[in-house]
Protein backbone atom coordinates (compact mmCIF):
# COMPACT_ATOMS: atom_id res chain seq x y z
CA MET A 1 0.00 0.00 0.00
CA THR A 2 1.21 3.48 -0.77
CA GLY A 3 -0.86 5.27 1.82
CA LYS A 4 -3.92 5.80 -0.36
CA GLY A 5 -6.07 3.73 1.93
CA LEU A 6 -7.77 0.40 2.14
CA GLY A 7 -11.50 -0.21 2.22
CA ILE A 8 -13.13 -3.21 3.86
CA LEU A 9 -16.65 -4.33 3.03
CA GLY A 10 -18.08 -7.16 5.07
CA GLY A 11 -21.41 -8.86 4.70
CA THR A 12 -23.29 -12.07 4.21
CA PHE A 13 -23.14 -11.75 0.41
CA ASP A 14 -25.95 -14.29 0.04
CA PRO A 15 -25.80 -13.56 -2.78
CA ILE A 16 -23.44 -10.73 -3.58
CA HIS A 17 -25.18 -8.36 -5.98
CA ILE A 18 -24.66 -5.24 -8.06
CA GLY A 19 -25.61 -3.02 -5.11
CA HIS A 20 -22.60 -4.28 -3.13
CA LEU A 21 -20.33 -3.69 -6.12
CA ARG A 22 -21.69 -0.22 -6.89
CA ILE A 23 -21.34 0.93 -3.30
CA ALA A 24 -17.77 -0.38 -3.16
CA GLU A 25 -16.92 1.25 -6.49
CA ALA A 26 -18.39 4.61 -5.41
CA VAL A 27 -16.42 4.59 -2.15
CA TYR A 28 -13.27 3.48 -3.98
CA GLU A 29 -13.54 6.41 -6.39
CA ARG A 30 -14.79 9.03 -3.91
CA ILE A 31 -12.06 8.46 -1.33
CA ALA A 32 -9.40 7.45 -3.90
CA LEU A 33 -8.68 4.16 -2.19
CA GLU A 34 -6.02 1.79 -3.43
CA GLN A 35 -8.02 -1.36 -2.78
CA ILE A 36 -11.25 -2.70 -1.31
CA ILE A 37 -11.35 -6.07 0.41
CA PHE A 38 -14.65 -7.95 0.57
CA ILE A 39 -15.02 -10.21 3.60
CA PRO A 40 -17.95 -12.63 3.55
CA ALA A 41 -19.24 -13.36 7.06
CA PHE A 42 -18.60 -16.97 8.09
CA VAL A 43 -21.67 -17.08 10.31
CA PRO A 44 -23.90 -14.09 9.58
CA PRO A 45 -24.80 -12.69 13.02
CA HIS A 46 -28.18 -11.41 11.86
CA LYS A 47 -29.13 -14.78 10.34
CA VAL A 48 -28.54 -17.09 13.29
CA GLY A 49 -31.12 -19.86 13.10
CA GLN A 50 -31.99 -19.00 9.49
CA ASP A 51 -31.00 -20.72 6.28
CA TYR A 52 -28.16 -19.27 4.26
CA ALA A 53 -25.69 -20.54 1.70
CA PRO A 54 -22.57 -22.27 3.03
CA ALA A 55 -19.61 -19.97 3.67
CA GLU A 56 -17.50 -21.56 0.94
CA HIS A 57 -20.24 -20.93 -1.64
CA ARG A 58 -20.66 -17.29 -0.61
CA TYR A 59 -16.88 -16.85 -0.73
CA ALA A 60 -16.76 -18.35 -4.25
CA MET A 61 -19.68 -16.13 -5.40
CA THR A 62 -17.87 -13.09 -4.06
CA GLU A 63 -14.63 -14.05 -5.82
CA LEU A 64 -16.47 -14.39 -9.13
CA ALA A 65 -18.31 -11.09 -8.67
CA VAL A 66 -15.19 -9.01 -7.96
CA LYS A 67 -13.07 -10.62 -10.69
CA PRO A 68 -13.65 -7.79 -13.22
CA TYR A 69 -12.46 -5.20 -10.67
CA PRO A 70 -8.66 -5.28 -10.28
CA HIS A 71 -8.88 -3.07 -7.18
CA PHE A 72 -11.25 -5.47 -5.36
CA THR A 73 -10.12 -8.61 -3.54
CA VAL A 74 -11.75 -11.18 -1.27
CA SER A 75 -10.47 -12.34 2.10
CA ASP A 76 -11.57 -15.26 4.21
């Protein structure tokens, strides 16, 4: 990093959608960040006791969704 800043966007991403990507892109451009890291929640705290896609599937969906954006990455 060169001091431009790092953004972190966490969520369930079940599924990740264009709204997540547009918000991240707007923040990236507005604040002139160097990178944004998406972090899918392993166990979504607001969905305890509810059905949701397995963590590995949500991670894979997020990886596919951010692939066209070189300044976006995914972390587990």
